[in-house]
Amino acid sequence: IGTMLEEVDRLALLVDRLLTLSRADTGKAKLSLDLVDVPELASQDAEQLGVLAEEKGQSIQVQCSAVPNWVGDRIVLRQALMNLVDNAIKYSPSGGRIEISVSQAPEGIILEVADTGPGIPPDLQSRIFDRFYRVDEARSRQNGGTGLGLAIAKWAVEVNGGRLTLEPTDGAGSRFRITLTQTAVDAMVAVHK
């Protein structure tokens, strides 16, 4: 019964993620314009997912610089960040470290999630945002992955006028960067008026 319940949970998650992507494809995803304190959002997500990290003996560290509030859909951005942090926890080893950083750059607000996991081989990096793609099929099934988390994260960032990229690292681990531009947000505000 326990195995069946786990499978039901996995299928419910898959259906929920497919519905999210379906709404995105049809343009029926309704966005709101919220004033978002990005460092506060990062801290809240780290606190919420900290329990999962503790179960694996991992630590989540948040480093935030002063950045202006950002205007966009808070819930959709949060979904992207949660997917990135959840992946970092899943694929980092016991005792690993996950770092979330928020900073200001000329191109906008930068939100990064870095981990101490095995990283993504260079020859597979071009496909990681594809739907249903898994770097390691066996490991993804073991961790409950559906192969949709990064595709949803990319959509969630882009629909908010931002950009999600996988950044080069100096060795093991992965570093995902969300760039939130104010210019794109200004355009979104104009469309909503």
Protein backbone atom coordinates (compact mmCIF):
# COMPACT_ATOMS: atom_id res chain seq x y z
CA ILE A 1 0.00 0.00 0.00
CA GLY A 2 2.88 2.35 0.82
CA THR A 3 4.40 1.83 -2.63
CA MET A 4 1.06 2.43 -4.29
CA LEU A 5 0.58 5.68 -2.34
CA GLU A 6 4.05 6.87 -3.39
CA GLU A 7 3.17 6.13 -7.02
CA VAL A 8 -0.14 8.02 -6.69
CA ASP A 9 1.76 11.02 -5.28
CA ARG A 10 4.27 10.86 -8.14
CA LEU A 11 1.48 10.69 -10.74
CA ALA A 12 -0.42 13.57 -9.09
CA LEU A 13 2.75 15.68 -9.25
CA LEU A 14 3.23 14.75 -12.90
CA VAL A 15 -0.37 15.73 -13.77
CA ASP A 16 0.00 19.03 -11.90
CA ARG A 17 3.20 19.85 -13.78
CA LEU A 18 1.67 18.89 -17.12
CA LEU A 19 -1.30 21.18 -16.42
CA THR A 20 1.09 24.04 -15.63
CA LEU A 21 2.91 23.54 -18.93
CA SER A 22 -0.36 23.16 -20.82
CA ARG A 23 -1.59 26.49 -19.46
CA ALA A 24 1.74 28.02 -20.44
CA ASP A 25 1.48 26.66 -24.00
CA THR A 26 -2.03 27.96 -24.49
CA GLY A 27 -1.31 31.33 -22.90
CA LYS A 28 -4.01 30.72 -20.28
CA ALA A 29 -1.66 31.13 -17.34
CA LYS A 30 -2.85 34.28 -15.59
CA LEU A 31 -0.06 36.42 -14.20
CA SER A 32 -0.36 38.96 -11.46
CA LEU A 33 1.86 41.96 -10.90
CA ASP A 34 3.18 41.94 -7.35
CA LEU A 35 5.84 44.01 -5.63
CA VAL A 36 8.36 41.27 -4.74
CA ASP A 37 11.12 41.47 -2.15
CA VAL A 38 13.43 38.94 -3.86
CA PRO A 39 15.79 38.43 -0.86
CA GLU A 40 12.78 37.73 1.37
CA LEU A 41 11.42 35.26 -1.23
CA ALA A 42 14.79 33.46 -1.34
CA SER A 43 14.94 33.25 2.48
CA GLN A 44 11.38 31.91 2.72
CA ASP A 45 12.05 29.21 0.11
CA ALA A 46 15.27 28.20 1.86
CA GLU A 47 13.43 27.93 5.16
CA GLN A 48 10.60 25.87 3.67
CA LEU A 49 12.90 23.44 1.84
CA GLY A 50 15.43 23.39 4.69
CA VAL A 51 13.65 20.39 6.22
CA LEU A 52 14.38 18.29 3.11
CA ALA A 53 18.01 19.40 3.19
CA GLU A 54 18.34 18.55 6.88
CA GLU A 55 17.08 15.01 6.21
CA LYS A 56 20.13 14.54 3.96
CA GLY A 57 22.51 16.33 6.31
CA GLN A 58 22.79 19.24 3.86
CA SER A 59 22.89 22.95 4.54
CA ILE A 60 21.18 25.77 2.67
CA GLN A 61 22.85 29.14 2.85
CA VAL A 62 21.29 32.39 1.64
CA GLN A 63 23.42 35.42 0.75
CA CYS A 64 21.58 38.58 -0.22
CA SER A 65 22.77 42.02 -1.23
CA ALA A 66 20.47 45.00 -1.13
CA VAL A 67 18.38 44.96 -4.29
CA PRO A 68 15.32 46.98 -5.27
CA ASN A 69 11.91 45.36 -5.13
CA TRP A 70 10.97 43.65 -8.37
CA VAL A 71 7.55 43.73 -10.05
CA GLY A 72 6.21 40.44 -11.41
CA ASP A 73 4.22 37.34 -10.50
CA ARG A 74 5.52 36.29 -7.08
CA ILE A 75 3.90 32.84 -7.09
CA VAL A 76 5.23 31.91 -10.53
CA LEU A 77 8.75 33.15 -9.67
CA ARG A 78 8.58 31.22 -6.40
CA GLN A 79 7.70 28.05 -8.30
CA ALA A 80 10.83 28.47 -10.44
CA LEU A 81 13.04 29.02 -7.41
CA MET A 82 11.48 26.10 -5.51
CA ASN A 83 12.12 23.78 -8.47
CA LEU A 84 15.79 24.84 -8.64
CA VAL A 85 16.38 24.45 -4.89
CA ASP A 86 14.49 21.14 -4.80
CA ASN A 87 16.71 19.80 -7.62
CA ALA A 88 19.82 21.00 -5.79
CA ILE A 89 18.74 19.07 -2.70
CA LYS A 90 17.83 15.93 -4.66
CA TYR A 91 21.10 15.74 -6.56
CA SER A 92 23.56 16.90 -3.91
CA PRO A 93 25.13 14.20 -1.74
CA SER A 94 24.62 13.82 1.98
CA GLY A 95 26.51 16.59 3.73
CA GLY A 96 26.28 18.77 0.61
CA ARG A 97 25.75 22.51 0.49
CA ILE A 98 23.19 24.54 -1.42
CA GLU A 99 23.74 28.28 -1.83
CA ILE A 100 21.10 30.79 -2.85
CA SER A 101 22.34 34.28 -3.65
CA VAL A 102 20.59 37.48 -4.61
CA SER A 103 22.50 40.44 -6.02
CA GLN A 104 22.16 43.46 -8.28
CA ALA A 105 23.96 43.62 -11.63
CA PRO A 106 23.73 46.04 -14.56
CA GLU A 107 21.40 43.61 -16.37
CA GLY A 108 19.01 43.32 -13.40
CA ILE A 109 18.47 41.31 -10.25
CA ILE A 110 20.49 38.08 -10.21
CA LEU A 111 19.16 35.09 -8.28
CA GLU A 112 21.47 32.06 -8.25
CA VAL A 113 21.13 28.53 -6.90
CA ALA A 114 24.38 26.56 -6.63
CA ASP A 115 24.96 23.06 -5.27
CA THR A 116 27.76 20.62 -4.55
CA GLY A 117 26.24 17.75 -6.52
CA PRO A 118 27.81 15.89 -9.43
CA GLY A 119 27.02 18.65 -11.93
CA ILE A 120 25.74 18.20 -15.46
CA PRO A 121 28.11 16.83 -18.10
CA PRO A 122 28.88 19.43 -20.80
CA ASP A 123 27.51 17.25 -23.60
CA LEU A 124 24.10 17.05 -21.87
CA GLN A 125 23.72 20.69 -20.81
CA SER A 126 21.95 21.78 -23.99
CA ARG A 127 18.96 19.51 -23.21
CA ILE A 128 18.37 20.10 -19.49
CA PHE A 129 15.46 22.51 -20.04
CA ASP A 130 13.67 20.07 -22.40
CA ARG A 131 10.46 18.52 -21.12
CA PHE A 132 10.80 15.00 -19.73
CA TYR A 133 14.59 15.08 -20.14
CA ARG A 134 16.58 13.49 -17.33
CA VAL A 135 20.37 13.51 -17.16
CA ASP A 136 20.36 10.16 -15.37
CA GLU A 137 17.13 8.22 -15.88
CA ALA A 138 17.69 5.75 -13.03
CA ARG A 139 18.69 8.41 -10.51
CA SER A 140 15.75 10.65 -11.47
CA ARG A 141 13.24 7.87 -10.89
CA GLN A 142 14.83 7.09 -7.53
CA ASN A 143 14.51 10.77 -6.53
CA GLY A 144 10.92 11.06 -7.76
CA GLY A 145 11.78 13.28 -10.73
CA THR A 146 9.41 13.76 -13.65
CA GLY A 147 11.78 15.56 -16.00
CA LEU A 148 9.56 18.66 -15.95
CA GLY A 149 10.98 20.75 -13.10
CA LEU A 150 13.56 22.67 -15.13
CA ALA A 151 11.17 23.15 -18.07
CA ILE A 152 8.63 24.68 -15.68
CA ALA A 153 11.30 26.81 -14.01
CA LYS A 154 12.42 28.15 -17.39
CA TRP A 155 8.83 28.98 -18.39
CA ALA A 156 8.14 30.63 -15.02
CA VAL A 157 11.17 32.89 -15.33
CA GLU A 158 10.62 33.74 -19.00
CA VAL A 159 6.91 34.52 -18.58
CA ASN A 160 8.06 37.07 -15.99
CA GLY A 161 10.35 38.63 -18.57
CA GLY A 162 13.51 37.07 -17.13
CA ARG A 163 16.10 34.56 -18.24
CA LEU A 164 17.17 31.22 -16.69
CA THR A 165 20.61 29.85 -17.54
CA LEU A 166 22.98 27.13 -16.42
CA GLU A 167 26.28 28.80 -15.58
CA PRO A 168 29.74 27.23 -15.88
CA THR A 169 31.28 25.97 -12.62
CA ASP A 170 34.85 25.31 -11.56
CA GLY A 171 34.40 21.58 -11.02
CA ALA A 172 31.54 19.66 -9.44
CA GLY A 173 28.11 21.07 -8.84
CA SER A 174 25.62 23.12 -10.80
CA ARG A 175 24.84 26.84 -10.78
CA PHE A 176 21.53 28.10 -12.17
CA ARG A 177 21.07 31.84 -12.68
CA ILE A 178 17.79 33.72 -12.90
CA THR A 179 18.14 37.23 -14.32
CA LEU A 180 15.15 39.49 -13.64
CA THR A 181 15.22 42.61 -15.76
CA GLN A 182 13.31 45.74 -14.88
CA THR A 183 12.91 46.63 -18.58
CA ALA A 184 10.96 43.42 -19.19
CA VAL A 185 8.88 44.14 -16.09
CA ASP A 186 8.10 47.65 -17.34
CA ALA A 187 6.83 46.11 -20.60
CA MET A 188 4.65 43.65 -18.62
CA VAL A 189 3.18 46.54 -16.61
CA ALA A 190 2.33 48.40 -19.84
CA VAL A 191 0.56 45.31 -21.24
CA HIS A 192 -1.50 44.88 -18.04
CA LYS A 193 -2.74 48.49 -18.06
